[in-house]
Structures are given as C-alpha cells and as structure tokens.
C-alpha cells in the first residue's frame, strides 16, 4: 500500500481517502494501491459498500500527477494497476455500490474517478473540470462516460473547452445526486452507505450487472439476456436464500435478515 491512502473498514463499509497534499494528485503507486484496495473490496463478502473521498477541503483529486509526468517518471499509458487509473476505471466485475463523497475540486482524472461511482454527494463548494485539452492529452474515461451521464452537448462543452462546472450546474444536469455543506459531506455519505450496507447485497450485485451488461442493448435484447440465465449475479440472486427470505420477512412483518447467499 501507500501512505497517500487512508483506508478504514467498519460494519460492512469501506472508506478510501486519497490524501496526497496539496492536490491529491494520483501517481502510479497510488493508482496501483487503489486498484488493490478496490479489488479486495470487490472480492470480500464482508464488505458491502465503499465510499471514496479526498483529504482536506480544497481538492477531491487533481487527477493524474502531471509533475511526475513532467519529470519523466510517468507516461500516459503506464501501468496504473488492476482496475486502471484510480483503481475503478476498468475494474471488472465490481458489483457493489460505490459512493463518491466529492469534498472539493474534481479535476481531470479525479473527475473520472467520480464518474466511476454509483452515487455522488458533493460539498457545495466542489467544482468539476476536464483540463486535459490544455495539456494535449485525452480525458479518455470522461470521453467515454460523461456523454452518457449528462446531455451530449454539455459533456462536449466540458471536454472541448476544459471549463469549470459548479455544484449547482452539476446538480441541474444530474451529474451529482445532491450538494451539502462541507461539514455534512461525510456524514451524509455514511448515512447512505449504512442504508446500502443493510440492504440485499445480491440484488445490488444484480442491479449493477444488469445495468452494465445491457447498456448497449435494445430493450427486448436485454430481457432476452436475462431469460437466458447467462448473467452470474442474476442467477445467483434467483437461486439464493435471500430470494426466499425477502417475501418471508414481508409476510411476517419483520426486517429481512440478508445473508448474501
């Protein structure tokens, strides 16, 4: 691991904080450590939900460490570790919820890490930008994901100009779920994480798998895929003890005891 990550685990929740002053920029070692951390999160049945955030209040993350690149210690297509840059961009089979607690500026690769999250809560002073255009490189993750998250012309505006987006605009376009005062950011993220950690993990896995695998399919093709029983998380959910526990708990008017099996 690396000193630039602060990691804590409690009650099925994993918190990952990028703490690398002054801007929480991510060098190759930090990226590889993040990949190892999120791969372990994916594979550990005791961990149900993750929160990713940044240290301090100014930056969530400035993204790729350009100073390391300028010094000749990093290349655009270097080995960033399992999961690609920041550990989340290309991590296969991540069927658990990830909450982004955006504590400050999410810039370049930092913005791209935010786009990897399922739920985004931002401090009301947070800002978003993709300035890669100004240093002559492609914001690859954002070019792929952002036009699918917000209107195409708004995404292109950000990618082509590198302009800043404030939280009120980000909320307007649905980029973030909500904005909160800085002091309430982690409490709110933890509140949502607690709700999810207490929920049915096999259904969450199913939701993420189905959303991912049907993203480019037509509606009927998506239903046909489900009926083919070729989606592992979907099949596991159908055949699980939890699938019986849910209706039983409803009939008995009690809270379900989800076991994840």
Protein backbone atom coordinates (compact mmCIF):
# COMPACT_ATOMS: atom_id res chain seq x y z
CA UNK A 1 0.00 0.00 0.00
CA UNK A 2 1.00 3.66 0.15
CA UNK A 3 0.88 6.48 2.69
CA UNK A 4 -1.22 8.52 0.27
CA UNK A 5 -4.30 6.40 1.02
CA UNK A 6 -6.23 6.39 4.27
CA UNK A 7 -8.38 3.27 4.49
CA UNK A 8 -10.94 2.32 7.11
CA UNK A 9 -13.47 -0.51 7.39
CA UNK A 10 -16.50 -0.70 9.67
CA UNK A 11 -19.84 -2.52 9.63
CA UNK A 12 -19.50 -3.68 6.02
CA UNK A 13 -18.39 -0.26 4.77
CA UNK A 14 -15.01 0.56 3.19
CA UNK A 15 -13.79 4.16 3.18
CA UNK A 16 -10.94 5.14 0.86
CA UNK A 17 -9.47 8.64 1.18
CA UNK A 18 -6.86 9.91 -1.26
CA UNK A 19 -4.70 12.09 0.99
CA UNK A 20 -1.76 13.38 -1.03
CA UNK A 21 -1.31 17.13 -0.45
CA UNK A 22 -1.53 19.61 -1.94
CA UNK A 23 -3.97 18.47 -4.64
CA UNK A 24 -4.48 14.75 -4.01
CA UNK A 25 -2.93 14.07 -7.42
CA UNK A 26 -2.61 10.38 -8.18
CA UNK A 27 0.78 8.96 -9.11
CA UNK A 28 1.29 5.44 -10.40
CA UNK A 29 1.98 3.96 -6.96
CA UNK A 30 -1.22 5.47 -5.55
CA UNK A 31 -3.23 4.25 -8.52
CA UNK A 32 -1.93 0.71 -8.10
CA UNK A 33 -2.71 0.81 -4.37
CA UNK A 34 -6.24 1.99 -5.14
CA UNK A 35 -6.66 -0.88 -7.57
CA UNK A 36 -5.57 -3.42 -4.97
CA UNK A 37 -7.92 -1.85 -2.43
CA UNK A 38 -10.99 -1.86 -4.66
CA UNK A 39 -10.24 -5.38 -5.95
CA UNK A 40 -10.17 -6.56 -2.33
CA UNK A 41 -13.43 -4.70 -1.71
CA UNK A 42 -14.97 -6.45 -4.71
CA UNK A 43 -13.89 -9.89 -3.51
CA UNK A 44 -14.56 -9.58 0.24
CA UNK A 45 -18.11 -10.75 1.07
CA UNK A 46 -17.99 -8.88 4.38
CA UNK A 47 -17.66 -5.51 2.61
CA UNK A 48 -20.95 -4.28 1.17
CA UNK A 49 -20.40 -0.67 0.06
CA UNK A 50 -17.48 1.73 -0.47
CA UNK A 51 -17.00 5.46 -0.05
CA UNK A 52 -14.22 7.25 -1.93
CA UNK A 53 -13.23 10.80 -1.00
CA UNK A 54 -10.26 13.15 -0.79
CA UNK A 55 -8.29 14.60 2.08
CA UNK A 56 -8.84 18.23 3.02
CA UNK A 57 -11.50 20.53 1.59
CA UNK A 58 -9.84 22.04 -1.48
CA UNK A 59 -9.35 19.01 -3.74
CA UNK A 60 -11.16 15.73 -4.19
CA UNK A 61 -8.38 14.92 -6.62
CA UNK A 62 -6.48 16.79 -9.31
CA UNK A 63 -6.19 13.51 -11.22
CA UNK A 64 -3.05 12.33 -12.94
CA UNK A 65 0.15 13.61 -11.34
CA UNK A 66 1.42 15.89 -14.10
CA UNK A 67 4.54 16.79 -12.12
CA UNK A 68 5.55 13.13 -12.14
CA UNK A 69 4.91 13.02 -15.88
CA UNK A 70 6.89 16.22 -16.49
CA UNK A 71 9.82 14.72 -14.58
CA UNK A 72 9.79 11.74 -16.90
CA UNK A 73 8.62 9.34 -14.20
CA UNK A 74 5.23 8.55 -15.78
CA UNK A 75 3.75 8.01 -19.23
CA UNK A 76 0.17 8.45 -20.48
CA UNK A 77 -0.31 4.70 -20.95
CA UNK A 78 1.67 3.47 -17.93
CA UNK A 79 0.64 0.50 -15.80
CA UNK A 80 -1.83 2.03 -13.36
CA UNK A 81 -2.58 -1.35 -11.79
CA UNK A 82 -5.65 -3.55 -11.64
CA UNK A 83 -8.73 -1.50 -12.44
CA UNK A 84 -6.83 1.08 -14.47
CA UNK A 85 -6.32 4.66 -13.34
CA UNK A 86 -7.55 5.20 -9.79
CA UNK A 87 -8.46 1.55 -9.39
CA UNK A 88 -12.07 1.95 -10.56
CA UNK A 89 -11.98 2.92 -14.24
CA UNK A 90 -11.66 -0.61 -15.61
CA UNK A 91 -12.07 -2.89 -12.62
CA UNK A 92 -14.02 -5.92 -13.90
CA UNK A 93 -16.94 -7.43 -12.05
CA UNK A 94 -17.39 -4.68 -9.46
CA UNK A 95 -20.96 -5.48 -8.45
CA UNK A 96 -21.06 -3.48 -5.22
CA UNK A 97 -22.19 0.14 -4.71
CA UNK A 98 -19.56 2.89 -4.61
CA UNK A 99 -20.38 6.33 -3.20
CA UNK A 100 -18.30 9.32 -4.20
CA UNK A 101 -18.01 11.99 -1.48
CA UNK A 102 -16.68 14.91 -3.52
CA UNK A 103 -15.05 17.15 -0.93
CA UNK A 104 -13.52 19.70 -3.31
CA UNK A 105 -12.30 20.16 -6.87
CA UNK A 106 -12.59 17.04 -9.02
CA UNK A 107 -10.24 17.70 -11.90
CA UNK A 108 -9.23 15.54 -14.87
CA UNK A 109 -8.62 12.03 -13.65
CA UNK A 110 -10.19 13.00 -10.32
CA UNK A 111 -13.40 13.81 -12.18
CA UNK A 112 -13.09 10.47 -13.99
CA UNK A 113 -12.89 8.63 -10.66
CA UNK A 114 -16.07 10.43 -9.60
CA UNK A 115 -17.73 9.18 -12.79
CA UNK A 116 -16.94 5.61 -11.70
CA UNK A 117 -19.15 5.99 -8.62
CA UNK A 118 -22.79 4.96 -8.46
CA UNK A 119 -23.93 7.78 -6.18
CA UNK A 120 -22.29 11.21 -5.95
CA UNK A 121 -22.62 13.54 -2.98
CA UNK A 122 -20.69 16.81 -3.29
CA UNK A 123 -19.71 19.53 -0.87
CA UNK A 124 -21.43 22.71 -2.00
CA UNK A 125 -18.09 24.34 -2.84
CA UNK A 126 -16.91 21.45 -5.05
CA UNK A 127 -16.15 22.04 -8.74
CA UNK A 128 -15.58 19.83 -11.76
CA UNK A 129 -13.33 20.25 -14.80
CA UNK A 130 -11.55 18.31 -17.55
CA UNK A 131 -8.49 20.44 -18.40
CA UNK A 132 -6.68 17.67 -20.33
CA UNK A 133 -7.37 19.61 -23.53
CA UNK A 134 -4.95 22.28 -22.25
CA UNK A 135 -2.03 19.85 -21.87
CA UNK A 136 -2.61 17.99 -25.11
CA UNK A 137 -3.91 14.64 -23.84
CA UNK A 138 -7.24 12.85 -23.98
CA UNK A 139 -9.53 12.60 -20.96
CA UNK A 140 -10.27 9.04 -22.04
CA UNK A 141 -12.52 7.88 -19.21
CA UNK A 142 -14.56 11.10 -19.32
CA UNK A 143 -14.82 10.98 -23.12
CA UNK A 144 -16.37 7.53 -22.79
CA UNK A 145 -18.57 8.08 -19.73
CA UNK A 146 -19.56 11.74 -19.45
CA UNK A 147 -21.74 11.92 -22.62
CA UNK A 148 -23.73 9.01 -21.16
CA UNK A 149 -24.25 10.80 -17.84
CA UNK A 150 -25.30 14.30 -18.90
CA UNK A 151 -26.60 15.83 -22.16
CA UNK A 152 -24.16 15.29 -25.03
CA UNK A 153 -23.65 18.97 -25.82
CA UNK A 154 -22.87 19.81 -22.18
CA UNK A 155 -20.37 16.95 -21.98
CA UNK A 156 -18.72 18.08 -25.21
CA UNK A 157 -18.53 21.64 -23.90
CA UNK A 158 -16.60 20.45 -20.84
CA UNK A 159 -14.33 18.11 -22.83
CA UNK A 160 -13.56 20.59 -25.63
CA UNK A 161 -13.08 23.73 -23.54
CA UNK A 162 -11.87 22.45 -20.17
CA UNK A 163 -14.28 24.83 -18.41
CA UNK A 164 -15.34 24.56 -14.77
CA UNK A 165 -18.73 23.30 -13.64
CA UNK A 166 -20.03 24.42 -10.25
CA UNK A 167 -22.15 22.20 -7.99
CA UNK A 168 -25.42 23.96 -8.81
CA UNK A 169 -24.94 23.24 -12.50
CA UNK A 170 -23.76 19.69 -11.76
CA UNK A 171 -26.96 19.12 -9.78
CA UNK A 172 -29.03 20.67 -12.57
CA UNK A 173 -27.68 18.22 -15.16
CA UNK A 174 -27.93 15.24 -12.83
CA UNK A 175 -24.17 14.76 -12.59
CA UNK A 176 -24.40 14.64 -8.78
CA UNK A 177 -27.21 13.40 -6.58
CA UNK A 178 -27.02 16.21 -4.07
CA UNK A 179 -24.85 19.01 -2.70
CA UNK A 180 -24.40 19.52 1.03
CA UNK A 181 -22.38 21.83 3.28
CA UNK A 182 -18.78 20.65 3.61
CA UNK A 183 -19.20 19.62 7.25
CA UNK A 184 -22.13 17.40 6.30
CA UNK A 185 -20.47 15.61 3.39
CA UNK A 186 -19.05 12.50 5.06
CA UNK A 187 -21.98 12.15 7.49
CA UNK A 188 -24.37 12.16 4.52
CA UNK A 189 -22.22 9.70 2.54
CA UNK A 190 -22.03 7.43 5.58
CA UNK A 191 -25.79 7.64 6.07
CA UNK A 192 -26.35 6.40 2.52
CA UNK A 193 -23.63 3.77 2.91
CA UNK A 194 -25.32 2.47 6.07
CA UNK A 195 -28.62 2.17 4.22
CA UNK A 196 -26.98 0.20 1.42
CA UNK A 197 -24.87 -1.96 3.73
CA UNK A 198 -28.09 -3.08 5.42
CA UNK A 199 -29.71 -3.91 2.07
CA UNK A 200 -29.76 -7.10 -0.03
CA UNK A 201 -26.24 -7.47 -1.45
CA UNK A 202 -27.21 -9.99 -4.11
CA UNK A 203 -29.83 -7.63 -5.53
CA UNK A 204 -27.33 -4.76 -5.58
CA UNK A 205 -24.90 -7.01 -7.47
CA UNK A 206 -27.69 -7.90 -9.85
CA UNK A 207 -28.60 -4.25 -10.45
CA UNK A 208 -25.01 -3.32 -11.32
CA UNK A 209 -24.51 -6.36 -13.52
CA UNK A 210 -27.74 -5.86 -15.46
CA UNK A 211 -27.14 -2.11 -15.91
CA UNK A 212 -23.61 -2.77 -17.17
CA UNK A 213 -24.36 -5.70 -19.45
CA UNK A 214 -27.46 -4.18 -21.06
CA UNK A 215 -26.06 -0.66 -21.55
CA UNK A 216 -25.69 -1.09 -25.33
CA UNK A 217 -28.60 -3.50 -25.92
CA UNK A 218 -32.12 -2.85 -27.12
CA UNK A 219 -34.93 -3.40 -24.62
CA UNK A 220 -36.02 -6.82 -25.89
CA UNK A 221 -32.39 -7.94 -26.21
CA UNK A 222 -31.92 -7.02 -22.56
CA UNK A 223 -34.90 -9.10 -21.45
CA UNK A 224 -33.72 -11.98 -23.63
CA UNK A 225 -30.32 -11.82 -21.93
CA UNK A 226 -31.96 -12.07 -18.51
CA UNK A 227 -34.08 -15.02 -19.60
CA UNK A 228 -31.01 -16.79 -20.98
CA UNK A 229 -29.63 -17.06 -17.42
CA UNK A 230 -26.16 -16.10 -18.66
CA UNK A 231 -25.67 -13.34 -16.09
CA UNK A 232 -23.97 -14.85 -13.00
CA UNK A 233 -25.17 -12.29 -10.44
CA UNK A 234 -28.74 -12.56 -11.73
CA UNK A 235 -28.71 -16.35 -11.49
CA UNK A 236 -27.16 -16.23 -8.02
CA UNK A 237 -29.92 -13.88 -6.87
CA UNK A 238 -32.69 -16.11 -8.25
CA UNK A 239 -31.31 -19.21 -6.56
CA UNK A 240 -30.39 -17.58 -3.24
CA UNK A 241 -31.67 -17.96 0.31
CA UNK A 242 -32.18 -14.18 0.29
CA UNK A 243 -34.74 -14.52 -2.52
CA UNK A 244 -36.83 -16.63 -0.13
CA UNK A 245 -36.06 -14.52 2.93
CA UNK A 246 -37.44 -11.29 1.44
CA UNK A 247 -41.03 -12.49 0.85
CA UNK A 248 -40.97 -14.44 4.14
CA UNK A 249 -39.95 -11.34 6.10
CA UNK A 250 -42.63 -9.27 4.35
CA UNK A 251 -45.31 -11.82 5.24
CA UNK A 252 -44.08 -11.95 8.85
CA UNK A 253 -43.91 -8.14 9.06
CA UNK A 254 -40.25 -8.05 10.12
CA UNK A 255 -36.97 -6.72 8.79
CA UNK A 256 -35.25 -9.16 6.40
CA UNK A 257 -32.06 -10.87 7.53
CA UNK A 258 -29.96 -10.65 4.38
CA UNK A 259 -27.14 -13.19 4.29
CA UNK A 260 -25.79 -12.57 0.81
CA UNK A 261 -26.30 -16.17 -0.22
